[in-house]
PDB file of N, CA and C in Angstrom:
ATOM      1  N   MET A   1     -13.581 -23.764 -39.163  1.00  0.00           N
ATOM      2  CA  MET A   1     -12.436 -23.861 -38.292  1.00  0.00           C
ATOM      3  C   MET A   1     -11.734 -25.180 -38.586  1.00  0.00           C
ATOM      4  N   SER A   2     -10.426 -25.093 -38.754  1.00  0.00           N
ATOM      5  CA  SER A   2      -9.656 -26.285 -39.083  1.00  0.00           C
ATOM      6  C   SER A   2      -9.426 -27.131 -37.828  1.00  0.00           C
ATOM      7  N   ASN A   3      -8.948 -28.351 -38.049  1.00  0.00           N
ATOM      8  CA  ASN A   3      -8.645 -29.236 -36.920  1.00  0.00           C
ATOM      9  C   ASN A   3      -7.589 -28.623 -36.013  1.00  0.00           C
ATOM     10  N   GLN A   4      -6.600 -27.984 -36.625  1.00  0.00           N
ATOM     11  CA  GLN A   4      -5.531 -27.375 -35.838  1.00  0.00           C
ATOM     12  C   GLN A   4      -6.088 -26.220 -34.987  1.00  0.00           C
ATOM     13  N   GLN A   5      -6.948 -25.410 -35.567  1.00  0.00           N
ATOM     14  CA  GLN A   5      -7.554 -24.307 -34.823  1.00  0.00           C
ATOM     15  C   GLN A   5      -8.434 -24.836 -33.691  1.00  0.00           C
ATOM     16  N   THR A   6      -9.166 -25.884 -33.999  1.00  0.00           N
ATOM     17  CA  THR A   6     -10.027 -26.493 -32.988  1.00  0.00           C
ATOM     18  C   THR A   6      -9.184 -27.038 -31.842  1.00  0.00           C
ATOM     19  N   ARG A   7      -8.100 -27.730 -32.206  1.00  0.00           N
ATOM     20  CA  ARG A   7      -7.213 -28.295 -31.180  1.00  0.00           C
ATOM     21  C   ARG A   7      -6.585 -27.198 -30.336  1.00  0.00           C
ATOM     22  N   HIS A   8      -6.185 -26.107 -30.997  1.00  0.00           N
ATOM     23  CA  HIS A   8      -5.591 -24.979 -30.279  1.00  0.00           C
ATOM     24  C   HIS A   8      -6.621 -24.365 -29.323  1.00  0.00           C
ATOM     25  N   ALA A   9      -7.847 -24.194 -29.788  1.00  0.00           N
ATOM     26  CA  ALA A   9      -8.912 -23.647 -28.938  1.00  0.00           C
ATOM     27  C   ALA A   9      -9.175 -24.571 -27.747  1.00  0.00           C
ATOM     28  N   LEU A  10      -9.213 -25.867 -28.005  1.00  0.00           N
ATOM     29  CA  LEU A  10      -9.432 -26.829 -26.922  1.00  0.00           C
ATOM     30  C   LEU A  10      -8.279 -26.815 -25.924  1.00  0.00           C
ATOM     31  N   ASP A  11      -7.048 -26.668 -26.422  1.00  0.00           N
ATOM     32  CA  ASP A  11      -5.883 -26.574 -25.538  1.00  0.00           C
ATOM     33  C   ASP A  11      -5.989 -25.345 -24.633  1.00  0.00           C
ATOM     34  N   ARG A  12      -6.407 -24.217 -25.210  1.00  0.00           N
ATOM     35  CA  ARG A  12      -6.573 -22.997 -24.407  1.00  0.00           C
ATOM     36  C   ARG A  12      -7.659 -23.191 -23.355  1.00  0.00           C
ATOM     37  N   ILE A  13      -8.751 -23.825 -23.744  1.00  0.00           N
ATOM     38  CA  ILE A  13      -9.831 -24.090 -22.794  1.00  0.00           C
ATOM     39  C   ILE A  13      -9.341 -25.013 -21.678  1.00  0.00           C
ATOM     40  N   GLU A  14      -8.593 -26.032 -22.056  1.00  0.00           N
ATOM     41  CA  GLU A  14      -8.067 -26.968 -21.063  1.00  0.00           C
ATOM     42  C   GLU A  14      -7.116 -26.260 -20.097  1.00  0.00           C
ATOM     43  N   GLN A  15      -6.252 -25.386 -20.626  1.00  0.00           N
ATOM     44  CA  GLN A  15      -5.340 -24.640 -19.768  1.00  0.00           C
ATOM     45  C   GLN A  15      -6.114 -23.745 -18.800  1.00  0.00           C
ATOM     46  N   ARG A  16      -7.149 -23.113 -19.329  1.00  0.00           N
ATOM     47  CA  ARG A  16      -7.959 -22.215 -18.481  1.00  0.00           C
ATOM     48  C   ARG A  16      -8.678 -23.013 -17.396  1.00  0.00           C
ATOM     49  N   ILE A  17      -9.185 -24.175 -17.749  1.00  0.00           N
ATOM     50  CA  ILE A  17      -9.852 -25.032 -16.764  1.00  0.00           C
ATOM     51  C   ILE A  17      -8.856 -25.453 -15.691  1.00  0.00           C
ATOM     52  N   ASP A  18      -7.646 -25.820 -16.090  1.00  0.00           N
ATOM     53  CA  ASP A  18      -6.608 -26.184 -15.125  1.00  0.00           C
ATOM     54  C   ASP A  18      -6.297 -25.015 -14.190  1.00  0.00           C
ATOM     55  N   GLN A  19      -6.193 -23.819 -14.752  1.00  0.00           N
ATOM     56  CA  GLN A  19      -5.939 -22.636 -13.930  1.00  0.00           C
ATOM     57  C   GLN A  19      -7.075 -22.411 -12.932  1.00  0.00           C
ATOM     58  N   LEU A  20      -8.288 -22.554 -13.423  1.00  0.00           N
ATOM     59  CA  LEU A  20      -9.447 -22.353 -12.546  1.00  0.00           C
ATOM     60  C   LEU A  20      -9.500 -23.411 -11.441  1.00  0.00           C
ATOM     61  N   LEU A  21      -9.162 -24.652 -11.774  1.00  0.00           N
ATOM     62  CA  LEU A  21      -9.144 -25.709 -10.759  1.00  0.00           C
ATOM     63  C   LEU A  21      -8.076 -25.424  -9.698  1.00  0.00           C
ATOM     64  N   GLU A  22      -6.913 -24.954 -10.136  1.00  0.00           N
ATOM     65  CA  GLU A  22      -5.863 -24.587  -9.189  1.00  0.00           C
ATOM     66  C   GLU A  22      -6.331 -23.441  -8.298  1.00  0.00           C
ATOM     67  N   GLN A  23      -7.012 -22.482  -8.893  1.00  0.00           N
ATOM     68  CA  GLN A  23      -7.515 -21.347  -8.118  1.00  0.00           C
ATOM     69  C   GLN A  23      -8.571 -21.809  -7.108  1.00  0.00           C
ATOM     70  N   VAL A  24      -9.441 -22.707  -7.517  1.00  0.00           N
ATOM     71  CA  VAL A  24     -10.457 -23.251  -6.606  1.00  0.00           C
ATOM     72  C   VAL A  24      -9.770 -23.954  -5.441  1.00  0.00           C
ATOM     73  N   ASP A  25      -8.766 -24.780  -5.730  1.00  0.00           N
ATOM     74  CA  ASP A  25      -8.027 -25.466  -4.668  1.00  0.00           C
ATOM     75  C   ASP A  25      -7.381 -24.466  -3.711  1.00  0.00           C
ATOM     76  N   ARG A  26      -6.759 -23.454  -4.269  1.00  0.00           N
ATOM     77  CA  ARG A  26      -6.093 -22.440  -3.454  1.00  0.00           C
ATOM     78  C   ARG A  26      -7.115 -21.703  -2.582  1.00  0.00           C
ATOM     79  N   LEU A  27      -8.252 -21.343  -3.168  1.00  0.00           N
ATOM     80  CA  LEU A  27      -9.282 -20.638  -2.416  1.00  0.00           C
ATOM     81  C   LEU A  27      -9.909 -21.520  -1.343  1.00  0.00           C
ATOM     82  N   GLU A  28     -10.058 -22.806  -1.628  1.00  0.00           N
ATOM     83  CA  GLU A  28     -10.585 -23.726  -0.622  1.00  0.00           C
ATOM     84  C   GLU A  28      -9.629 -23.845   0.558  1.00  0.00           C
ATOM     85  N   ARG A  29      -8.329 -23.938   0.274  1.00  0.00           N
ATOM     86  CA  ARG A  29      -7.336 -24.002   1.347  1.00  0.00           C
ATOM     87  C   ARG A  29      -7.344 -22.713   2.169  1.00  0.00           C
ATOM     88  N   GLU A  30      -7.398 -21.594   1.463  1.00  0.00           N
ATOM     89  CA  GLU A  30      -7.417 -20.306   2.146  1.00  0.00           C
ATOM     90  C   GLU A  30      -8.681 -20.173   3.003  1.00  0.00           C
ATOM     91  N   ASN A  31      -9.799 -20.577   2.455  1.00  0.00           N
ATOM     92  CA  ASN A  31     -11.061 -20.512   3.191  1.00  0.00           C
ATOM     93  C   ASN A  31     -11.002 -21.384   4.437  1.00  0.00           C
ATOM     94  N   ARG A  32     -10.480 -22.591   4.298  1.00  0.00           N
ATOM     95  CA  ARG A  32     -10.358 -23.502   5.431  1.00  0.00           C
ATOM     96  C   ARG A  32      -9.453 -22.886   6.504  1.00  0.00           C
ATOM     97  N   SER A  33      -8.353 -22.301   6.075  1.00  0.00           N
ATOM     98  CA  SER A  33      -7.423 -21.667   7.008  1.00  0.00           C
ATOM     99  C   SER A  33      -8.093 -20.490   7.723  1.00  0.00           C
ATOM    100  N   LEU A  34      -8.825 -19.688   6.975  1.00  0.00           N
ATOM    101  CA  LEU A  34      -9.510 -18.537   7.579  1.00  0.00           C
ATOM    102  C   LEU A  34     -10.593 -18.980   8.557  1.00  0.00           C
ATOM    103  N   MET A  35     -11.308 -20.045   8.233  1.00  0.00           N
ATOM    104  CA  MET A  35     -12.338 -20.543   9.142  1.00  0.00           C
ATOM    105  C   MET A  35     -11.708 -21.082  10.426  1.00  0.00           C
ATOM    106  N   GLU A  36     -10.565 -21.770  10.298  1.00  0.00           N
ATOM    107  CA  GLU A  36      -9.864 -22.251  11.488  1.00  0.00           C
ATOM    108  C   GLU A  36      -9.395 -21.071  12.341  1.00  0.00           C
ATOM    109  N   ARG A  37      -8.866 -20.063  11.692  1.00  0.00           N
ATOM    110  CA  ARG A  37      -8.406 -18.861  12.413  1.00  0.00           C
ATOM    111  C   ARG A  37      -9.575 -18.176  13.102  1.00  0.00           C
ATOM    112  N   GLN A  38     -10.701 -18.111  12.413  1.00  0.00           N
ATOM    113  CA  GLN A  38     -11.889 -17.490  13.000  1.00  0.00           C
ATOM    114  C   GLN A  38     -12.322 -18.257  14.255  1.00  0.00           C
ATOM    115  N   GLN A  39     -12.307 -19.580  14.182  1.00  0.00           N
ATOM    116  CA  GLN A  39     -12.673 -20.391  15.343  1.00  0.00           C
ATOM    117  C   GLN A  39     -11.727 -20.120  16.503  1.00  0.00           C
ATOM    118  N   THR A  40     -10.435 -20.031  16.204  1.00  0.00           N
ATOM    119  CA  THR A  40      -9.451 -19.733  17.238  1.00  0.00           C
ATOM    120  C   THR A  40      -9.752 -18.380  17.877  1.00  0.00           C
ATOM    121  N   LEU A  41     -10.040 -17.391  17.045  1.00  0.00           N
ATOM    122  CA  LEU A  41     -10.324 -16.053  17.562  1.00  0.00           C
ATOM    123  C   LEU A  41     -11.612 -16.029  18.381  1.00  0.00           C
ATOM    124  N   VAL A  42     -12.608 -16.793  17.959  1.00  0.00           N
ATOM    125  CA  VAL A  42     -13.867 -16.862  18.705  1.00  0.00           C
ATOM    126  C   VAL A  42     -13.606 -17.444  20.095  1.00  0.00           C
ATOM    127  N   HIS A  43     -12.799 -18.517  20.149  1.00  0.00           N
ATOM    128  CA  HIS A  43     -12.474 -19.121  21.442  1.00  0.00           C
ATOM    129  C   HIS A  43     -11.661 -18.160  22.310  1.00  0.00           C
ATOM    130  N   GLU A  44     -10.695 -17.474  21.689  1.00  0.00           N
ATOM    131  CA  GLU A  44      -9.894 -16.510  22.440  1.00  0.00           C
ATOM    132  C   GLU A  44     -10.772 -15.390  22.984  1.00  0.00           C
ATOM    133  N   ARG A  45     -11.686 -14.917  22.158  1.00  0.00           N
ATOM    134  CA  ARG A  45     -12.592 -13.844  22.582  1.00  0.00           C
ATOM    135  C   ARG A  45     -13.463 -14.304  23.738  1.00  0.00           C
ATOM    136  N   ALA A  46     -13.980 -15.515  23.646  1.00  0.00           N
ATOM    137  CA  ALA A  46     -14.817 -16.045  24.732  1.00  0.00           C
ATOM    138  C   ALA A  46     -14.016 -16.082  26.036  1.00  0.00           C
ATOM    139  N   GLY A  47     -12.760 -16.504  25.959  1.00  0.00           N
ATOM    140  CA  GLY A  47     -11.908 -16.522  27.143  1.00  0.00           C
ATOM    141  C   GLY A  47     -11.678 -15.125  27.693  1.00  0.00           C
ATOM    142  N   LEU A  48     -11.454 -14.166  26.798  1.00  0.00           N
ATOM    143  CA  LEU A  48     -11.236 -12.786  27.240  1.00  0.00           C
ATOM    144  C   LEU A  48     -12.498 -12.195  27.861  1.00  0.00           C
ATOM    145  N   VAL A  49     -13.641 -12.496  27.281  1.00  0.00           N
ATOM    146  CA  VAL A  49     -14.903 -12.008  27.841  1.00  0.00           C
ATOM    147  C   VAL A  49     -15.097 -12.579  29.244  1.00  0.00           C
ATOM    148  N   GLN A  50     -14.802 -13.859  29.407  1.00  0.00           N
ATOM    149  CA  GLN A  50     -14.945 -14.490  30.716  1.00  0.00           C
ATOM    150  C   GLN A  50     -13.993 -13.853  31.727  1.00  0.00           C
ATOM    151  N   ARG A  51     -12.724 -13.677  31.315  1.00  0.00           N
ATOM    152  CA  ARG A  51     -11.757 -13.054  32.220  1.00  0.00           C
ATOM    153  C   ARG A  51     -12.166 -11.628  32.567  1.00  0.00           C
ATOM    154  N   ASN A  52     -12.699 -10.906  31.600  1.00  0.00           N
ATOM    155  CA  ASN A  52     -13.152  -9.537  31.828  1.00  0.00           C
ATOM    156  C   ASN A  52     -14.294  -9.528  32.842  1.00  0.00           C
ATOM    157  N   GLU A  53     -15.217 -10.456  32.705  1.00  0.00           N
ATOM    158  CA  GLU A  53     -16.344 -10.542  33.631  1.00  0.00           C
ATOM    159  C   GLU A  53     -15.862 -10.895  35.038  1.00  0.00           C
ATOM    160  N   GLU A  54     -14.900 -11.809  35.130  1.00  0.00           N
ATOM    161  CA  GLU A  54     -14.330 -12.159  36.436  1.00  0.00           C
ATOM    162  C   GLU A  54     -13.642 -10.956  37.068  1.00  0.00           C
ATOM    163  N   ALA A  55     -12.905 -10.195  36.274  1.00  0.00           N
ATOM    164  CA  ALA A  55     -12.229  -8.998  36.780  1.00  0.00           C
ATOM    165  C   ALA A  55     -13.259  -7.967  37.229  1.00  0.00           C
ATOM    166  N   ARG A  56     -14.319  -7.812  36.460  1.00  0.00           N
ATOM    167  CA  ARG A  56     -15.365  -6.854  36.819  1.00  0.00           C
ATOM    168  C   ARG A  56     -15.998  -7.246  38.165  1.00  0.00           C
ATOM    169  N   THR A  57     -16.247  -8.533  38.332  1.00  0.00           N
ATOM    170  CA  THR A  57     -16.829  -9.020  39.581  1.00  0.00           C
ATOM    171  C   THR A  57     -15.899  -8.744  40.762  1.00  0.00           C
ATOM    172  N   ARG A  58     -14.600  -8.997  40.574  1.00  0.00           N
ATOM    173  CA  ARG A  58     -13.635  -8.738  41.647  1.00  0.00           C
ATOM    174  C   ARG A  58     -13.558  -7.245  41.979  1.00  0.00           C
ATOM    175  N   VAL A  59     -13.559  -6.399  40.952  1.00  0.00           N
ATOM    176  CA  VAL A  59     -13.495  -4.947  41.180  1.00  0.00           C
ATOM    177  C   VAL A  59     -14.753  -4.486  41.901  1.00  0.00           C
ATOM    178  N   GLU A  60     -15.910  -4.974  41.500  1.00  0.00           N
ATOM    179  CA  GLU A  60     -17.158  -4.591  42.174  1.00  0.00           C
ATOM    180  C   GLU A  60     -17.140  -5.030  43.641  1.00  0.00           C
ATOM    181  N   ALA A  61     -16.587  -6.232  43.880  1.00  0.00           N
ATOM    182  CA  ALA A  61     -16.497  -6.711  45.263  1.00  0.00           C
ATOM    183  C   ALA A  61     -15.564  -5.819  46.073  1.00  0.00           C
ATOM    184  N   MET A  62     -14.432  -5.406  45.483  1.00  0.00           N
ATOM    185  CA  MET A  62     -13.506  -4.513  46.175  1.00  0.00           C
ATOM    186  C   MET A  62     -14.173  -3.173  46.481  1.00  0.00           C
ATOM    187  N   ILE A  63     -14.919  -2.653  45.533  1.00  0.00           N
ATOM    188  CA  ILE A  63     -15.608  -1.377  45.740  1.00  0.00           C
ATOM    189  C   ILE A  63     -16.600  -1.504  46.889  1.00  0.00           C
ATOM    190  N   GLU A  64     -17.328  -2.606  46.916  1.00  0.00           N
ATOM    191  CA  GLU A  64     -18.285  -2.819  48.000  1.00  0.00           C
ATOM    192  C   GLU A  64     -17.578  -2.906  49.347  1.00  0.00           C
ATOM    193  N   ARG A  65     -16.436  -3.592  49.388  1.00  0.00           N
ATOM    194  CA  ARG A  65     -15.673  -3.681  50.643  1.00  0.00           C
ATOM    195  C   ARG A  65     -15.171  -2.297  51.074  1.00  0.00           C
ATOM    196  N   LEU A  66     -14.695  -1.521  50.101  1.00  0.00           N
ATOM    197  CA  LEU A  66     -14.222  -0.171  50.432  1.00  0.00           C
ATOM    198  C   LEU A  66     -15.370   0.694  50.949  1.00  0.00           C
ATOM    199  N   LYS A  67     -16.530   0.572  50.334  1.00  0.00           N
ATOM    200  CA  LYS A  67     -17.690   1.348  50.785  1.00  0.00           C
ATOM    201  C   LYS A  67     -18.074   0.940  52.210  1.00  0.00           C
ATOM    202  N   SER A  68     -18.046  -0.362  52.462  1.00  0.00           N
ATOM    203  CA  SER A  68     -18.431  -0.816  53.797  1.00  0.00           C
ATOM    204  C   SER A  68     -17.395  -0.363  54.830  1.00  0.00           C
ATOM    205  N   LEU A  69     -16.111  -0.354  54.469  1.00  0.00           N
ATOM    206  CA  LEU A  69     -15.081   0.154  55.374  1.00  0.00           C
ATOM    207  C   LEU A  69     -15.261   1.648  55.633  1.00  0.00           C
ATOM    208  N   GLU A  70     -15.607   2.353  54.554  1.00  0.00           N
ATOM    209  CA  GLU A  70     -15.825   3.804  54.670  1.00  0.00           C
ATOM    210  C   GLU A  70     -17.017   4.094  55.567  1.00  0.00           C
ATOM    211  N   ASN A  71     -18.092   3.312  55.411  1.00  0.00           N
ATOM    212  CA  ASN A  71     -19.296   3.522  56.230  1.00  0.00           C
ATOM    213  C   ASN A  71     -19.072   3.082  57.667  1.00  0.00           C
ATOM    214  N   ALA A  72     -18.191   2.136  57.880  1.00  0.00           N
ATOM    215  CA  ALA A  72     -17.920   1.649  59.225  1.00  0.00           C
ATOM    216  C   ALA A  72     -17.036   2.627  59.995  1.00  0.00           C
ATOM    217  N   GLY A  73     -16.270   3.421  59.287  1.00  0.00           N
ATOM    218  CA  GLY A  73     -15.278   4.291  59.921  1.00  0.00           C
ATOM    219  C   GLY A  73     -15.742   5.612  60.256  1.00  0.00           C
TER     220      GLY A  73
END
């Protein structure tokens, strides 16, 4: 392999390495963004679960009051 061929091969390798580094950076940013989004969704879900439980408790209390009114009447 001549010097020119070697240099050309090294240039191609260098370009490919640069592309791969850019892809790694892009994937790291995307991963970080997805993890942040996941955390947001986890917090939102926890809030919804809590609100759902509070609503369930209120509905159960209303049902109990209605039953007691029905039994009293």
